[in-house]
Amino acid sequence: MAFHYRALTIDQLLNDPMTLAVMQADHVDPAALKAMLVRTAARLRAADQDTPLPGIDAAFLPADPVPDLRKAV
């Protein structure tokens, strides 16, 4: 018997109740993690296309998202 499944997208995974529960237990801020992933994707696209980074809305993305990933414990 073969099982077929469709992999979750990153957005679906970040909104999955189990993922959210693990992030909460690990004190990970979902918005900061998503912002870091968006920035990383933009950088990878730019590097792949050998073009400068596209404009990014500074209000949406923190200057350095890494410290924001973990909430103060």
N, C-alpha and C. Protein backbone atom coordinates (compact mmCIF):
# COMPACT_ATOMS: atom_id res chain seq x y z
N MET A 1 0.85 -1.17 0.00
CA MET A 1 0.00 0.00 0.00
C MET A 1 0.90 1.24 0.00
N ALA A 2 0.65 2.13 -0.91
CA ALA A 2 1.45 3.35 -1.02
C ALA A 2 0.70 4.51 -0.36
N PHE A 3 1.46 5.32 0.36
CA PHE A 3 0.89 6.50 0.98
C PHE A 3 1.38 7.72 0.22
N HIS A 4 0.47 8.60 -0.10
CA HIS A 4 0.83 9.83 -0.79
C HIS A 4 0.47 11.00 0.10
N TYR A 5 1.36 11.93 0.22
CA TYR A 5 1.09 13.12 1.00
C TYR A 5 1.73 14.31 0.33
N ARG A 6 1.23 15.45 0.65
CA ARG A 6 1.76 16.69 0.12
C ARG A 6 2.48 17.40 1.27
N ALA A 7 3.71 17.78 1.02
CA ALA A 7 4.49 18.46 2.04
C ALA A 7 3.87 19.82 2.35
N LEU A 8 3.95 20.22 3.60
CA LEU A 8 3.45 21.53 4.00
C LEU A 8 4.36 22.63 3.48
N THR A 9 3.77 23.77 3.18
CA THR A 9 4.58 24.93 2.84
C THR A 9 5.11 25.50 4.16
N ILE A 10 6.09 26.38 4.06
CA ILE A 10 6.64 27.02 5.26
C ILE A 10 5.53 27.78 5.99
N ASP A 11 4.69 28.49 5.26
CA ASP A 11 3.61 29.24 5.87
C ASP A 11 2.64 28.32 6.61
N GLN A 12 2.29 27.19 5.99
CA GLN A 12 1.41 26.23 6.64
C GLN A 12 2.07 25.65 7.89
N LEU A 13 3.34 25.34 7.78
CA LEU A 13 4.07 24.78 8.91
C LEU A 13 4.13 25.77 10.08
N LEU A 14 4.39 27.04 9.77
CA LEU A 14 4.48 28.05 10.83
C LEU A 14 3.13 28.33 11.49
N ASN A 15 2.03 27.98 10.82
CA ASN A 15 0.69 28.17 11.38
C ASN A 15 0.08 26.89 11.92
N ASP A 16 0.82 25.80 11.88
CA ASP A 16 0.35 24.51 12.38
C ASP A 16 0.27 24.56 13.91
N PRO A 17 -0.81 24.07 14.50
CA PRO A 17 -0.95 24.13 15.96
C PRO A 17 0.19 23.42 16.72
N MET A 18 0.68 22.31 16.20
CA MET A 18 1.76 21.60 16.88
C MET A 18 3.06 22.42 16.82
N THR A 19 3.33 23.01 15.66
CA THR A 19 4.52 23.85 15.52
C THR A 19 4.43 25.05 16.44
N LEU A 20 3.26 25.67 16.50
CA LEU A 20 3.08 26.83 17.38
C LEU A 20 3.27 26.45 18.84
N ALA A 21 2.81 25.26 19.23
CA ALA A 21 2.99 24.81 20.61
C ALA A 21 4.47 24.59 20.94
N VAL A 22 5.21 24.01 20.00
CA VAL A 22 6.65 23.79 20.21
C VAL A 22 7.38 25.14 20.28
N MET A 23 7.03 26.06 19.39
CA MET A 23 7.67 27.38 19.41
C MET A 23 7.37 28.10 20.73
N GLN A 24 6.14 27.98 21.23
CA GLN A 24 5.80 28.61 22.50
C GLN A 24 6.61 27.99 23.63
N ALA A 25 6.73 26.67 23.64
CA ALA A 25 7.51 25.99 24.68
C ALA A 25 8.98 26.38 24.63
N ASP A 26 9.48 26.67 23.43
CA ASP A 26 10.89 27.05 23.25
C ASP A 26 11.08 28.57 23.29
N HIS A 27 10.02 29.31 23.57
CA HIS A 27 10.07 30.77 23.65
C HIS A 27 10.52 31.39 22.33
N VAL A 28 10.02 30.86 21.22
CA VAL A 28 10.32 31.39 19.90
C VAL A 28 9.15 32.27 19.45
N ASP A 29 9.45 33.48 19.03
CA ASP A 29 8.44 34.40 18.55
C ASP A 29 8.13 34.07 17.09
N PRO A 30 6.92 33.58 16.77
CA PRO A 30 6.59 33.20 15.40
C PRO A 30 6.77 34.34 14.39
N ALA A 31 6.40 35.56 14.77
CA ALA A 31 6.53 36.70 13.84
C ALA A 31 8.00 36.99 13.54
N ALA A 32 8.85 36.92 14.55
CA ALA A 32 10.28 37.17 14.33
C ALA A 32 10.90 36.07 13.47
N LEU A 33 10.49 34.83 13.69
CA LEU A 33 11.01 33.73 12.87
C LEU A 33 10.58 33.90 11.42
N LYS A 34 9.30 34.24 11.21
CA LYS A 34 8.81 34.44 9.85
C LYS A 34 9.55 35.60 9.17
N ALA A 35 9.79 36.68 9.92
CA ALA A 35 10.52 37.82 9.36
C ALA A 35 11.94 37.40 8.95
N MET A 36 12.59 36.60 9.78
CA MET A 36 13.94 36.14 9.44
C MET A 36 13.91 35.27 8.18
N LEU A 37 12.91 34.42 8.06
CA LEU A 37 12.80 33.56 6.88
C LEU A 37 12.54 34.37 5.62
N VAL A 38 11.72 35.41 5.73
CA VAL A 38 11.43 36.28 4.59
C VAL A 38 12.71 36.97 4.13
N ARG A 39 13.47 37.49 5.09
CA ARG A 39 14.74 38.17 4.75
C ARG A 39 15.72 37.20 4.11
N THR A 40 15.81 36.01 4.66
CA THR A 40 16.73 35.01 4.12
C THR A 40 16.33 34.63 2.70
N ALA A 41 15.04 34.44 2.46
CA ALA A 41 14.57 34.11 1.12
C ALA A 41 14.91 35.23 0.14
N ALA A 42 14.73 36.47 0.57
CA ALA A 42 15.04 37.61 -0.30
C ALA A 42 16.53 37.63 -0.64
N ARG A 43 17.36 37.37 0.36
CA ARG A 43 18.81 37.36 0.12
C ARG A 43 19.21 36.22 -0.82
N LEU A 44 18.60 35.06 -0.64
CA LEU A 44 18.92 33.93 -1.51
C LEU A 44 18.47 34.20 -2.95
N ARG A 45 17.28 34.80 -3.10
CA ARG A 45 16.82 35.14 -4.45
C ARG A 45 17.76 36.14 -5.09
N ALA A 46 18.16 37.15 -4.33
CA ALA A 46 19.05 38.18 -4.86
C ALA A 46 20.40 37.58 -5.23
N ALA A 47 20.93 36.71 -4.41
CA ALA A 47 22.23 36.09 -4.70
C ALA A 47 22.11 35.18 -5.92
N ASP A 48 20.97 34.50 -6.04
CA ASP A 48 20.76 33.60 -7.17
C ASP A 48 20.63 34.38 -8.48
N GLN A 49 20.03 35.55 -8.41
CA GLN A 49 19.83 36.37 -9.61
C GLN A 49 20.99 37.33 -9.84
N ASP A 50 21.93 37.37 -8.89
CA ASP A 50 23.07 38.26 -8.97
C ASP A 50 22.63 39.72 -9.12
N THR A 51 21.60 40.07 -8.34
CA THR A 51 21.08 41.43 -8.33
C THR A 51 21.03 41.92 -6.89
N PRO A 52 20.95 43.23 -6.68
CA PRO A 52 20.82 43.73 -5.31
C PRO A 52 19.50 43.29 -4.68
N LEU A 53 19.45 43.33 -3.37
CA LEU A 53 18.23 42.97 -2.66
C LEU A 53 17.08 43.88 -3.06
N PRO A 54 15.89 43.32 -3.19
CA PRO A 54 14.73 44.16 -3.47
C PRO A 54 14.41 45.00 -2.23
N GLY A 55 13.62 46.05 -2.42
CA GLY A 55 13.24 46.88 -1.28
C GLY A 55 12.46 46.07 -0.27
N ILE A 56 12.78 46.23 0.99
CA ILE A 56 12.10 45.51 2.07
C ILE A 56 11.51 46.56 3.00
N ASP A 57 10.26 46.37 3.36
CA ASP A 57 9.58 47.28 4.26
C ASP A 57 10.20 47.18 5.65
N ALA A 58 10.93 48.19 6.06
CA ALA A 58 11.64 48.17 7.34
C ALA A 58 10.68 48.06 8.52
N ALA A 59 9.45 48.52 8.36
CA ALA A 59 8.48 48.42 9.46
C ALA A 59 8.10 46.98 9.73
N PHE A 60 8.17 46.13 8.72
CA PHE A 60 7.80 44.73 8.88
C PHE A 60 8.94 43.89 9.41
N LEU A 61 10.16 44.18 8.98
CA LEU A 61 11.30 43.35 9.34
C LEU A 61 12.22 44.05 10.33
N PRO A 62 12.59 43.35 11.41
CA PRO A 62 13.55 43.94 12.33
C PRO A 62 14.94 44.02 11.68
N ALA A 63 15.76 44.96 12.15
CA ALA A 63 17.10 45.12 11.59
C ALA A 63 17.92 43.85 11.80
N ASP A 64 17.81 43.24 12.95
CA ASP A 64 18.54 42.00 13.25
C ASP A 64 17.56 41.06 13.94
N PRO A 65 16.89 40.15 13.20
CA PRO A 65 15.83 39.34 13.79
C PRO A 65 16.32 38.25 14.73
N VAL A 66 17.59 37.87 14.67
CA VAL A 66 18.06 36.74 15.48
C VAL A 66 17.82 36.94 16.96
N PRO A 67 18.18 38.10 17.56
CA PRO A 67 17.92 38.25 18.99
C PRO A 67 16.42 38.20 19.33
N ASP A 68 15.56 38.53 18.37
CA ASP A 68 14.13 38.54 18.61
C ASP A 68 13.49 37.16 18.54
N LEU A 69 14.24 36.15 18.11
CA LEU A 69 13.65 34.83 17.95
C LEU A 69 13.25 34.22 19.30
N ARG A 70 14.04 34.48 20.31
CA ARG A 70 13.72 33.95 21.63
C ARG A 70 13.25 35.09 22.53
N LYS A 71 12.12 34.89 23.14
CA LYS A 71 11.61 35.88 24.07
C LYS A 71 12.43 35.78 25.36
N ALA A 72 12.47 36.84 26.10
CA ALA A 72 13.17 36.81 27.38
C ALA A 72 12.50 35.79 28.29
N VAL A 73 13.30 34.97 28.90
CA VAL A 73 12.77 33.89 29.77
C VAL A 73 12.75 34.37 31.19
